[in-house]
Amino acid sequence: MTTSQLQLQRCRCPTAVVRVHRKAGTRVVLGATKRQAGSVTLAEFPSEYDTAIRQAQLATKAALADGLKLLEVEFPVSGLAASQGDGDGQTEMNECMAYLRKFMNGFADQAEATRVYFPDNVELAIARSGQTSDPSAGRRAMDATFGSDCNFRMGYLTKQSAAWAVLGMNFGNKFQPSDLVKPDDAMFVVAYPSFNPREELSATRQLWDAAAAPADRPLIIFNGELDRLRGGYYPGLFFPELAKLTAEFLPQVEAAYYIHNFKGTRPGVLFRAYPGPWQVLRRSPIDAEATQCVWSGDTRPSLKEVSLEILPNA
């Protein structure tokens, strides 16, 4: 089959063939990439970032309208068929900041009551003022993303110190992100707390426990790479703080918008746009943009289930 034929098939929604997957309560939907599969409404996987950002905005607003308070928005920034970490760290952080700004444009009418938290005070300064080029440090010039024309309130999760610069942690640092909260703050957005997850995700939970949950304020985690915790990337024996977050905090997080790609001989993607179901999409090996839904369900499958069970049996 030619690439052009595959591209045409992306736009079709043939009659769905439904079969029961080995895991109870889930089902496989073959041949449905959008619209309806039986009574299940399936969001169409985006072909470009502008569409993805718009989907993320609408999905987040729908979740907030349904009363959900602790939300996750997660998608790769090096390409919609890429994985987090495909680019170098500095570039991905810059891309995250740029996409965050576009995402926040959808909440401009709430800007004066929404506080955006960056990973640390240095990242906040870059967001406000930009940065100059330094090739020796692998740093490229960058304009202010949340500059003087931005009405959103700002904050940071951690405060860099000499200990942080050397060891990646702050000893005796009394700062807490909830210290920056004002009584009329109505919503919090936490930007990519993944560079130093032990510090930044612990601070995210502190903000949730101290300021968001007690006052019924929403908190949105934007590209937090929470799958690294869900998948056991950090052994609990060596990272007890992260193990506690995984057990107590992550189960409370609802995915408003989510894209996770799988590579290899059976490429695919786990995709969700609230309030729609979770979808596993199979990618064409010769055209990464051509996708076909092979599974959908209301319960989030683990990444291991997708890679070892759903995609191989699709």
C-alpha atoms as a PDB file:
ATOM      1  CA  MET A   1       0.000   0.000   0.000  1.00  0.00           C
ATOM      2  CA  THR A   2       1.381   3.410  -0.939  1.00  0.00           C
ATOM      3  CA  THR A   3       1.950   6.329   1.420  1.00  0.00           C
ATOM      4  CA  SER A   4      -0.718   8.359  -0.372  1.00  0.00           C
ATOM      5  CA  GLN A   5      -3.255   5.569   0.171  1.00  0.00           C
ATOM      6  CA  LEU A   6      -2.405   5.472   3.864  1.00  0.00           C
ATOM      7  CA  GLN A   7      -2.816   9.235   4.085  1.00  0.00           C
ATOM      8  CA  LEU A   8      -6.299   8.970   2.580  1.00  0.00           C
ATOM      9  CA  GLN A   9      -7.229   6.253   5.053  1.00  0.00           C
ATOM     10  CA  ARG A  10      -6.450   8.578   7.951  1.00  0.00           C
ATOM     11  CA  CYS A  11      -9.575  10.557   7.145  1.00  0.00           C
ATOM     12  CA  ARG A  12     -11.906   7.584   6.978  1.00  0.00           C
ATOM     13  CA  CYS A  13     -13.927   6.007   9.744  1.00  0.00           C
ATOM     14  CA  PRO A  14     -15.040   2.616   8.433  1.00  0.00           C
ATOM     15  CA  THR A  15     -17.438   0.401  10.321  1.00  0.00           C
ATOM     16  CA  ALA A  16     -15.708  -0.511  13.558  1.00  0.00           C
ATOM     17  CA  VAL A  17     -14.942  -4.113  14.391  1.00  0.00           C
ATOM     18  CA  VAL A  18     -15.108  -4.644  18.140  1.00  0.00           C
ATOM     19  CA  ARG A  19     -13.594  -7.606  19.923  1.00  0.00           C
ATOM     20  CA  VAL A  20     -13.067  -8.288  23.602  1.00  0.00           C
ATOM     21  CA  HIS A  21      -9.468  -7.898  24.739  1.00  0.00           C
ATOM     22  CA  ARG A  22      -8.082 -10.352  27.261  1.00  0.00           C
ATOM     23  CA  LYS A  23      -8.390  -7.769  30.035  1.00  0.00           C
ATOM     24  CA  ALA A  24     -11.951  -7.584  31.369  1.00  0.00           C
ATOM     25  CA  GLY A  25     -13.761  -4.316  30.975  1.00  0.00           C
ATOM     26  CA  THR A  26     -11.850  -3.134  27.930  1.00  0.00           C
ATOM     27  CA  ARG A  27     -12.433  -3.540  24.251  1.00  0.00           C
ATOM     28  CA  VAL A  28     -10.560  -3.254  21.017  1.00  0.00           C
ATOM     29  CA  VAL A  29     -11.883  -0.962  18.314  1.00  0.00           C
ATOM     30  CA  LEU A  30     -10.420  -1.573  14.884  1.00  0.00           C
ATOM     31  CA  GLY A  31     -10.669   0.849  12.004  1.00  0.00           C
ATOM     32  CA  ALA A  32     -11.956   3.890  13.913  1.00  0.00           C
ATOM     33  CA  THR A  33      -9.807   7.007  14.040  1.00  0.00           C
ATOM     34  CA  LYS A  34     -12.467   9.588  14.876  1.00  0.00           C
ATOM     35  CA  ARG A  35     -16.168  10.235  15.439  1.00  0.00           C
ATOM     36  CA  GLN A  36     -17.986   7.228  16.888  1.00  0.00           C
ATOM     37  CA  ALA A  37     -17.085   3.613  17.551  1.00  0.00           C
ATOM     38  CA  GLY A  38     -20.386   2.195  18.735  1.00  0.00           C
ATOM     39  CA  SER A  39     -21.413   4.505  21.569  1.00  0.00           C
ATOM     40  CA  VAL A  40     -17.825   5.582  22.295  1.00  0.00           C
ATOM     41  CA  THR A  41     -16.757   9.008  21.045  1.00  0.00           C
ATOM     42  CA  LEU A  42     -13.125   8.954  19.958  1.00  0.00           C
ATOM     43  CA  ALA A  43     -11.069  12.123  19.682  1.00  0.00           C
ATOM     44  CA  GLU A  44      -9.057  12.410  16.481  1.00  0.00           C
ATOM     45  CA  PHE A  45      -5.305  12.282  16.975  1.00  0.00           C
ATOM     46  CA  PRO A  46      -3.758  15.666  16.065  1.00  0.00           C
ATOM     47  CA  SER A  47      -1.587  16.067  12.999  1.00  0.00           C
ATOM     48  CA  GLU A  48       0.025  19.334  14.157  1.00  0.00           C
ATOM     49  CA  TYR A  49       0.778  21.158  17.385  1.00  0.00           C
ATOM     50  CA  ASP A  50      -1.792  23.911  16.895  1.00  0.00           C
ATOM     51  CA  THR A  51      -4.477  21.235  16.863  1.00  0.00           C
ATOM     52  CA  ALA A  52      -2.967  19.467  19.870  1.00  0.00           C
ATOM     53  CA  ILE A  53      -2.859  22.685  21.892  1.00  0.00           C
ATOM     54  CA  ARG A  54      -6.469  23.460  21.013  1.00  0.00           C
ATOM     55  CA  GLN A  55      -7.520  19.939  21.981  1.00  0.00           C
ATOM     56  CA  ALA A  56      -5.637  20.257  25.269  1.00  0.00           C
ATOM     57  CA  GLN A  57      -7.339  23.561  26.061  1.00  0.00           C
ATOM     58  CA  LEU A  58     -10.815  22.177  25.343  1.00  0.00           C
ATOM     59  CA  ALA A  59     -10.149  18.939  27.230  1.00  0.00           C
ATOM     60  CA  THR A  60      -8.873  20.827  30.272  1.00  0.00           C
ATOM     61  CA  LYS A  61     -11.851  23.168  30.272  1.00  0.00           C
ATOM     62  CA  ALA A  62     -14.217  20.196  30.014  1.00  0.00           C
ATOM     63  CA  ALA A  63     -12.533  18.507  32.977  1.00  0.00           C
ATOM     64  CA  LEU A  64     -12.696  21.701  35.027  1.00  0.00           C
ATOM     65  CA  ALA A  65     -16.372  22.127  34.126  1.00  0.00           C
ATOM     66  CA  ASP A  66     -16.991  18.598  35.438  1.00  0.00           C
ATOM     67  CA  GLY A  67     -15.482  19.575  38.781  1.00  0.00           C
ATOM     68  CA  LEU A  68     -12.117  17.838  38.463  1.00  0.00           C
ATOM     69  CA  LYS A  69      -9.383  19.694  40.305  1.00  0.00           C
ATOM     70  CA  LEU A  70      -6.046  17.899  39.874  1.00  0.00           C
ATOM     71  CA  LEU A  71      -5.251  17.516  36.178  1.00  0.00           C
ATOM     72  CA  GLU A  72      -2.422  16.407  33.919  1.00  0.00           C
ATOM     73  CA  VAL A  73      -1.621  17.689  30.421  1.00  0.00           C
ATOM     74  CA  GLU A  74       1.162  15.658  28.816  1.00  0.00           C
ATOM     75  CA  PHE A  75       2.516  15.521  25.270  1.00  0.00           C
ATOM     76  CA  PRO A  76       5.974  15.257  23.655  1.00  0.00           C
ATOM     77  CA  VAL A  77       7.578  18.516  22.557  1.00  0.00           C
ATOM     78  CA  SER A  78      10.065  17.234  19.953  1.00  0.00           C
ATOM     79  CA  GLY A  79       7.323  16.052  17.597  1.00  0.00           C
ATOM     80  CA  LEU A  80       3.910  14.456  18.005  1.00  0.00           C
ATOM     81  CA  ALA A  81       5.452  11.077  17.122  1.00  0.00           C
ATOM     82  CA  ALA A  82       8.433  11.645  19.443  1.00  0.00           C
ATOM     83  CA  SER A  83       9.054  10.741  23.068  1.00  0.00           C
ATOM     84  CA  GLN A  84      10.002  12.986  25.958  1.00  0.00           C
ATOM     85  CA  GLY A  85      13.784  13.036  26.068  1.00  0.00           C
ATOM     86  CA  ASP A  86      14.311  12.738  22.314  1.00  0.00           C
ATOM     87  CA  GLY A  87      15.717  16.278  22.339  1.00  0.00           C
ATOM     88  CA  ASP A  88      18.403  17.689  24.599  1.00  0.00           C
ATOM     89  CA  GLY A  89      17.297  18.986  27.984  1.00  0.00           C
ATOM     90  CA  GLN A  90      17.677  22.715  27.310  1.00  0.00           C
ATOM     91  CA  THR A  91      15.849  22.536  23.996  1.00  0.00           C
ATOM     92  CA  GLU A  92      12.971  20.540  25.443  1.00  0.00           C
ATOM     93  CA  MET A  93      12.578  22.967  28.340  1.00  0.00           C
ATOM     94  CA  ASN A  94      12.492  25.875  25.885  1.00  0.00           C
ATOM     95  CA  GLU A  95       9.893  24.067  23.782  1.00  0.00           C
ATOM     96  CA  CYS A  96       7.855  23.266  26.889  1.00  0.00           C
ATOM     97  CA  MET A  97       7.836  26.929  27.838  1.00  0.00           C
ATOM     98  CA  ALA A  98       6.704  27.988  24.366  1.00  0.00           C
ATOM     99  CA  TYR A  99       3.891  25.410  24.245  1.00  0.00           C
ATOM    100  CA  LEU A 100       2.850  26.321  27.770  1.00  0.00           C
ATOM    101  CA  ARG A 101       2.419  29.930  26.668  1.00  0.00           C
ATOM    102  CA  LYS A 102       0.199  28.839  23.780  1.00  0.00           C
ATOM    103  CA  PHE A 103      -1.797  26.577  26.086  1.00  0.00           C
ATOM    104  CA  MET A 104      -2.292  29.392  28.591  1.00  0.00           C
ATOM    105  CA  ASN A 105      -3.661  31.662  25.858  1.00  0.00           C
ATOM    106  CA  GLY A 106      -6.818  29.586  26.130  1.00  0.00           C
ATOM    107  CA  PHE A 107      -7.233  30.820  29.705  1.00  0.00           C
ATOM    108  CA  ALA A 108      -6.473  34.494  29.067  1.00  0.00           C
ATOM    109  CA  ASP A 109      -9.831  35.526  30.525  1.00  0.00           C
ATOM    110  CA  GLN A 110      -8.721  34.018  33.855  1.00  0.00           C
ATOM    111  CA  ALA A 111      -5.150  35.334  33.746  1.00  0.00           C
ATOM    112  CA  GLU A 112      -5.383  37.731  36.674  1.00  0.00           C
ATOM    113  CA  ALA A 113      -6.496  34.923  39.001  1.00  0.00           C
ATOM    114  CA  THR A 114      -4.253  32.147  37.616  1.00  0.00           C
ATOM    115  CA  ARG A 115      -0.751  31.575  38.972  1.00  0.00           C
ATOM    116  CA  VAL A 116       1.767  29.751  36.769  1.00  0.00           C
ATOM    117  CA  TYR A 117       4.557  28.000  38.682  1.00  0.00           C
ATOM    118  CA  PHE A 118       7.881  27.356  36.952  1.00  0.00           C
ATOM    119  CA  PRO A 119      10.336  24.708  38.199  1.00  0.00           C
ATOM    120  CA  ASP A 120      12.577  27.237  39.942  1.00  0.00           C
ATOM    121  CA  ASN A 121      13.305  30.938  40.248  1.00  0.00           C
ATOM    122  CA  VAL A 122      15.901  30.811  37.449  1.00  0.00           C
ATOM    123  CA  GLU A 123      13.422  29.327  34.965  1.00  0.00           C
ATOM    124  CA  LEU A 124      10.885  31.963  35.987  1.00  0.00           C
ATOM    125  CA  ALA A 125      13.439  34.699  35.238  1.00  0.00           C
ATOM    126  CA  ILE A 126      14.001  33.219  31.759  1.00  0.00           C
ATOM    127  CA  ALA A 127      10.254  33.106  31.141  1.00  0.00           C
ATOM    128  CA  ARG A 128       9.931  36.757  32.092  1.00  0.00           C
ATOM    129  CA  SER A 129      13.069  38.190  30.492  1.00  0.00           C
ATOM    130  CA  GLY A 130      14.444  35.632  28.027  1.00  0.00           C
ATOM    131  CA  GLN A 131      18.104  34.664  27.863  1.00  0.00           C
ATOM    132  CA  THR A 132      21.224  35.387  25.851  1.00  0.00           C
ATOM    133  CA  SER A 133      23.152  32.873  23.793  1.00  0.00           C
ATOM    134  CA  ASP A 134      26.012  30.915  25.372  1.00  0.00           C
ATOM    135  CA  PRO A 135      27.303  28.207  22.987  1.00  0.00           C
ATOM    136  CA  SER A 136      29.776  26.866  25.551  1.00  0.00           C
ATOM    137  CA  ALA A 137      26.852  26.035  27.846  1.00  0.00           C
ATOM    138  CA  GLY A 138      24.651  24.782  25.022  1.00  0.00           C
ATOM    139  CA  ARG A 139      22.300  27.709  25.518  1.00  0.00           C
ATOM    140  CA  ARG A 140      20.612  29.537  22.670  1.00  0.00           C
ATOM    141  CA  ALA A 141      19.135  33.013  22.744  1.00  0.00           C
ATOM    142  CA  MET A 142      15.479  33.129  23.713  1.00  0.00           C
ATOM    143  CA  ASP A 143      12.954  35.933  23.888  1.00  0.00           C
ATOM    144  CA  ALA A 144      10.745  36.427  26.911  1.00  0.00           C
ATOM    145  CA  THR A 145       7.797  34.022  26.735  1.00  0.00           C
ATOM    146  CA  PHE A 146       5.831  35.405  29.683  1.00  0.00           C
ATOM    147  CA  GLY A 147       6.962  39.014  29.339  1.00  0.00           C
ATOM    148  CA  SER A 148       5.446  42.376  30.187  1.00  0.00           C
ATOM    149  CA  ASP A 149       2.397  41.682  28.016  1.00  0.00           C
ATOM    150  CA  CYS A 150       1.476  38.668  30.153  1.00  0.00           C
ATOM    151  CA  ASN A 151      -1.231  39.108  32.793  1.00  0.00           C
ATOM    152  CA  PHE A 152      -0.808  35.720  34.436  1.00  0.00           C
ATOM    153  CA  ARG A 153       0.536  35.644  37.959  1.00  0.00           C
ATOM    154  CA  MET A 154       3.878  33.913  38.368  1.00  0.00           C
ATOM    155  CA  GLY A 155       5.598  31.703  40.879  1.00  0.00           C
ATOM    156  CA  TYR A 156       8.239  29.000  41.234  1.00  0.00           C
ATOM    157  CA  LEU A 157       8.369  25.609  42.915  1.00  0.00           C
ATOM    158  CA  THR A 158      11.936  25.647  44.216  1.00  0.00           C
ATOM    159  CA  LYS A 159      14.554  28.265  44.908  1.00  0.00           C
ATOM    160  CA  GLN A 160      18.024  27.572  43.612  1.00  0.00           C
ATOM    161  CA  SER A 161      20.855  27.857  46.092  1.00  0.00           C
ATOM    162  CA  ALA A 162      24.549  26.960  46.138  1.00  0.00           C
ATOM    163  CA  ALA A 163      23.648  23.467  47.397  1.00  0.00           C
ATOM    164  CA  TRP A 164      21.124  23.041  44.585  1.00  0.00           C
ATOM    165  CA  ALA A 165      23.688  24.074  41.969  1.00  0.00           C
ATOM    166  CA  VAL A 166      26.170  21.442  43.204  1.00  0.00           C
ATOM    167  CA  LEU A 167      23.974  18.602  44.488  1.00  0.00           C
ATOM    168  CA  GLY A 168      20.545  19.177  42.959  1.00  0.00           C
ATOM    169  CA  MET A 169      18.886  19.642  46.345  1.00  0.00           C
ATOM    170  CA  ASN A 170      18.407  22.384  48.900  1.00  0.00           C
ATOM    171  CA  PHE A 171      19.410  21.752  52.493  1.00  0.00           C
ATOM    172  CA  GLY A 172      17.522  23.697  55.109  1.00  0.00           C
ATOM    173  CA  ASN A 173      15.569  25.631  52.510  1.00  0.00           C
ATOM    174  CA  LYS A 174      12.375  26.814  54.197  1.00  0.00           C
ATOM    175  CA  PHE A 175      10.746  28.066  51.001  1.00  0.00           C
ATOM    176  CA  GLN A 176       7.445  26.487  49.989  1.00  0.00           C
ATOM    177  CA  PRO A 177       5.509  27.305  46.804  1.00  0.00           C
ATOM    178  CA  SER A 178       2.365  27.947  48.834  1.00  0.00           C
ATOM    179  CA  ASP A 179       4.180  30.967  50.330  1.00  0.00           C
ATOM    180  CA  LEU A 180       3.513  32.799  47.048  1.00  0.00           C
ATOM    181  CA  VAL A 181      -0.233  32.148  47.000  1.00  0.00           C
ATOM    182  CA  LYS A 182      -2.597  35.098  47.321  1.00  0.00           C
ATOM    183  CA  PRO A 183      -6.153  34.825  48.678  1.00  0.00           C
ATOM    184  CA  ASP A 184      -7.682  35.628  45.289  1.00  0.00           C
ATOM    185  CA  ASP A 185      -5.634  33.068  43.325  1.00  0.00           C
ATOM    186  CA  ALA A 186      -8.240  30.834  41.674  1.00  0.00           C
ATOM    187  CA  MET A 187      -6.158  28.303  39.709  1.00  0.00           C
ATOM    188  CA  PHE A 188      -2.592  26.998  39.610  1.00  0.00           C
ATOM    189  CA  VAL A 189      -0.629  25.683  36.628  1.00  0.00           C
ATOM    190  CA  VAL A 190       2.636  23.854  37.342  1.00  0.00           C
ATOM    191  CA  ALA A 191       5.068  23.924  34.415  1.00  0.00           C
ATOM    192  CA  TYR A 192       7.168  20.834  33.590  1.00  0.00           C
ATOM    193  CA  PRO A 193       8.269  19.796  37.117  1.00  0.00           C
ATOM    194  CA  SER A 194      10.466  17.019  35.720  1.00  0.00           C
ATOM    195  CA  PHE A 195      14.057  18.284  35.600  1.00  0.00           C
ATOM    196  CA  ASN A 196      14.539  17.613  39.320  1.00  0.00           C
ATOM    197  CA  PRO A 197      11.463  15.530  40.192  1.00  0.00           C
ATOM    198  CA  ARG A 198      12.369  14.837  43.817  1.00  0.00           C
ATOM    199  CA  GLU A 199      12.361  18.547  44.579  1.00  0.00           C
ATOM    200  CA  GLU A 200       9.822  19.805  42.054  1.00  0.00           C
ATOM    201  CA  LEU A 201       7.132  17.127  42.362  1.00  0.00           C
ATOM    202  CA  SER A 202       7.386  17.242  46.141  1.00  0.00           C
ATOM    203  CA  ALA A 203       6.843  20.995  45.882  1.00  0.00           C
ATOM    204  CA  THR A 204       3.893  20.392  43.550  1.00  0.00           C
ATOM    205  CA  ARG A 205       2.278  18.159  46.134  1.00  0.00           C
ATOM    206  CA  GLN A 206       2.943  20.738  48.843  1.00  0.00           C
ATOM    207  CA  LEU A 207       1.152  23.339  46.739  1.00  0.00           C
ATOM    208  CA  TRP A 208      -1.773  20.960  46.207  1.00  0.00           C
ATOM    209  CA  ASP A 209      -2.059  19.931  49.851  1.00  0.00           C
ATOM    210  CA  ALA A 210      -1.553  23.394  51.346  1.00  0.00           C
ATOM    211  CA  ALA A 211      -3.230  25.771  48.899  1.00  0.00           C
ATOM    212  CA  ALA A 212      -5.176  24.055  46.127  1.00  0.00           C
ATOM    213  CA  ALA A 213      -7.166  21.191  47.657  1.00  0.00           C
ATOM    214  CA  PRO A 214      -8.248  22.944  50.897  1.00  0.00           C
ATOM    215  CA  ALA A 215      -9.616  25.938  48.954  1.00  0.00           C
ATOM    216  CA  ASP A 216     -11.084  23.828  46.116  1.00  0.00           C
ATOM    217  CA  ARG A 217      -8.701  25.412  43.591  1.00  0.00           C
ATOM    218  CA  PRO A 218      -7.737  23.509  40.433  1.00  0.00           C
ATOM    219  CA  LEU A 219      -4.109  22.571  39.818  1.00  0.00           C
ATOM    220  CA  ILE A 220      -2.914  21.592  36.333  1.00  0.00           C
ATOM    221  CA  ILE A 221       0.413  19.796  35.866  1.00  0.00           C
ATOM    222  CA  PHE A 222       1.773  20.645  32.417  1.00  0.00           C
ATOM    223  CA  ASN A 223       4.264  18.121  31.006  1.00  0.00           C
ATOM    224  CA  GLY A 224       5.309  16.744  34.374  1.00  0.00           C
ATOM    225  CA  GLU A 225       6.537  13.445  32.859  1.00  0.00           C
ATOM    226  CA  LEU A 226       4.648  11.617  35.597  1.00  0.00           C
ATOM    227  CA  ASP A 227       5.023   8.332  33.725  1.00  0.00           C
ATOM    228  CA  ARG A 228       8.572   8.063  35.011  1.00  0.00           C
ATOM    229  CA  LEU A 229       7.082   7.643  38.479  1.00  0.00           C
ATOM    230  CA  ARG A 230       4.196   5.428  37.375  1.00  0.00           C
ATOM    231  CA  GLY A 231       6.569   3.106  35.536  1.00  0.00           C
ATOM    232  CA  GLY A 232       9.008   2.644  38.411  1.00  0.00           C
ATOM    233  CA  TYR A 233      11.865   4.589  36.823  1.00  0.00           C
ATOM    234  CA  TYR A 234      12.923   5.686  40.324  1.00  0.00           C
ATOM    235  CA  PRO A 235      13.348   2.665  42.659  1.00  0.00           C
ATOM    236  CA  GLY A 236      11.487   3.213  45.920  1.00  0.00           C
ATOM    237  CA  LEU A 237      14.449   1.972  47.949  1.00  0.00           C
ATOM    238  CA  PHE A 238      16.607   4.863  46.748  1.00  0.00           C
ATOM    239  CA  PHE A 239      13.865   7.456  46.181  1.00  0.00           C
ATOM    240  CA  PRO A 240      11.405   7.060  49.073  1.00  0.00           C
ATOM    241  CA  GLU A 241       9.947  10.550  48.554  1.00  0.00           C
ATOM    242  CA  LEU A 242       9.056   9.727  44.955  1.00  0.00           C
ATOM    243  CA  ALA A 243       7.664   6.332  45.958  1.00  0.00           C
ATOM    244  CA  LYS A 244       5.362   8.087  48.404  1.00  0.00           C
ATOM    245  CA  LEU A 245       4.250  10.527  45.704  1.00  0.00           C
ATOM    246  CA  THR A 246       3.555   7.614  43.368  1.00  0.00           C
ATOM    247  CA  ALA A 247       1.399   5.846  45.945  1.00  0.00           C
ATOM    248  CA  GLU A 248      -0.437   8.814  47.452  1.00  0.00           C
ATOM    249  CA  PHE A 249      -0.444  11.725  45.007  1.00  0.00           C
ATOM    250  CA  LEU A 250      -0.453  10.352  41.458  1.00  0.00           C
ATOM    251  CA  PRO A 251      -3.678   8.302  41.858  1.00  0.00           C
ATOM    252  CA  GLN A 252      -5.506  11.603  42.395  1.00  0.00           C
ATOM    253  CA  VAL A 253      -4.330  13.032  39.047  1.00  0.00           C
ATOM    254  CA  GLU A 254      -6.805  12.917  36.142  1.00  0.00           C
ATOM    255  CA  ALA A 255      -5.380  13.046  32.617  1.00  0.00           C
ATOM    256  CA  ALA A 256      -7.140  15.839  30.752  1.00  0.00           C
ATOM    257  CA  TYR A 257      -4.906  15.503  27.698  1.00  0.00           C
ATOM    258  CA  TYR A 258      -2.257  12.870  27.128  1.00  0.00           C
ATOM    259  CA  ILE A 259       0.023  11.571  24.364  1.00  0.00           C
ATOM    260  CA  HIS A 260       2.653   8.875  24.894  1.00  0.00           C
ATOM    261  CA  ASN A 261       4.402   7.301  21.913  1.00  0.00           C
ATOM    262  CA  PHE A 262       5.776   3.783  21.566  1.00  0.00           C
ATOM    263  CA  LYS A 263       8.564   3.084  19.089  1.00  0.00           C
ATOM    264  CA  GLY A 264      10.116  -0.089  17.720  1.00  0.00           C
ATOM    265  CA  THR A 265       8.683  -2.709  15.384  1.00  0.00           C
ATOM    266  CA  ARG A 266       5.105  -2.092  16.566  1.00  0.00           C
ATOM    267  CA  PRO A 267       4.895   1.691  16.884  1.00  0.00           C
ATOM    268  CA  GLY A 268       1.855   3.238  18.463  1.00  0.00           C
ATOM    269  CA  VAL A 269       0.533   5.854  20.835  1.00  0.00           C
ATOM    270  CA  LEU A 270      -1.552   6.007  23.999  1.00  0.00           C
ATOM    271  CA  PHE A 271      -3.887   8.982  23.623  1.00  0.00           C
ATOM    272  CA  ARG A 272      -6.624  10.639  25.602  1.00  0.00           C
ATOM    273  CA  ALA A 273      -8.588  13.880  25.315  1.00  0.00           C
ATOM    274  CA  TYR A 274     -11.083  14.313  28.150  1.00  0.00           C
ATOM    275  CA  PRO A 275     -13.957  13.428  28.361  1.00  0.00           C
ATOM    276  CA  GLY A 276     -13.255  10.793  25.731  1.00  0.00           C
ATOM    277  CA  PRO A 277     -11.926   7.315  26.479  1.00  0.00           C
ATOM    278  CA  TRP A 278      -8.333   6.173  26.418  1.00  0.00           C
ATOM    279  CA  GLN A 279      -7.181   5.044  22.995  1.00  0.00           C
ATOM    280  CA  VAL A 280      -4.286   2.964  21.753  1.00  0.00           C
ATOM    281  CA  LEU A 281      -3.455   3.910  18.181  1.00  0.00           C
ATOM    282  CA  ARG A 282      -1.289   1.797  15.923  1.00  0.00           C
ATOM    283  CA  ARG A 283       1.103   3.746  13.687  1.00  0.00           C
ATOM    284  CA  SER A 284       2.056   2.748  10.178  1.00  0.00           C
ATOM    285  CA  PRO A 285       5.732   1.668  10.096  1.00  0.00           C
ATOM    286  CA  ILE A 286       6.180   3.614   6.837  1.00  0.00           C
ATOM    287  CA  ASP A 287       4.215   6.743   7.783  1.00  0.00           C
ATOM    288  CA  ALA A 288       4.273   7.764  11.450  1.00  0.00           C
ATOM    289  CA  GLU A 289       1.389  10.172  10.906  1.00  0.00           C
ATOM    290  CA  ALA A 290      -0.986   7.402   9.791  1.00  0.00           C
ATOM    291  CA  THR A 291      -2.775   6.037  12.865  1.00  0.00           C
ATOM    292  CA  GLN A 292      -5.508   3.475  13.487  1.00  0.00           C
ATOM    293  CA  CYS A 293      -7.350   2.978  16.774  1.00  0.00           C
ATOM    294  CA  VAL A 294      -6.967  -0.629  17.956  1.00  0.00           C
ATOM    295  CA  TRP A 295      -8.162  -0.296  21.567  1.00  0.00           C
ATOM    296  CA  SER A 296     -10.298   2.019  23.647  1.00  0.00           C
ATOM    297  CA  GLY A 297     -11.447   1.945  27.243  1.00  0.00           C
ATOM    298  CA  ASP A 298     -12.434   4.104  30.188  1.00  0.00           C
ATOM    299  CA  THR A 299      -9.617   2.770  32.385  1.00  0.00           C
ATOM    300  CA  ARG A 300      -6.077   3.947  31.757  1.00  0.00           C
ATOM    301  CA  PRO A 301      -3.843   1.028  30.718  1.00  0.00           C
ATOM    302  CA  SER A 302      -0.289   0.916  31.988  1.00  0.00           C
ATOM    303  CA  LEU A 303       2.505   1.583  29.519  1.00  0.00           C
ATOM    304  CA  LYS A 304       3.619  -2.012  30.011  1.00  0.00           C
ATOM    305  CA  GLU A 305       0.169  -3.300  29.037  1.00  0.00           C
ATOM    306  CA  VAL A 306       0.175  -1.171  25.903  1.00  0.00           C
ATOM    307  CA  SER A 307       3.647  -2.216  24.769  1.00  0.00           C
ATOM    308  CA  LEU A 308       3.488  -5.913  25.711  1.00  0.00           C
ATOM    309  CA  GLU A 309      -0.180  -6.813  25.254  1.00  0.00           C
ATOM    310  CA  ILE A 310      -2.303  -4.376  23.277  1.00  0.00           C
ATOM    311  CA  LEU A 311       0.011  -3.351  20.428  1.00  0.00           C
ATOM    312  CA  PRO A 312       1.479  -6.848  19.812  1.00  0.00           C
ATOM    313  CA  ASN A 313      -2.027  -8.336  19.622  1.00  0.00           C
ATOM    314  CA  ALA A 314      -3.542  -5.585  17.472  1.00  0.00           C
END
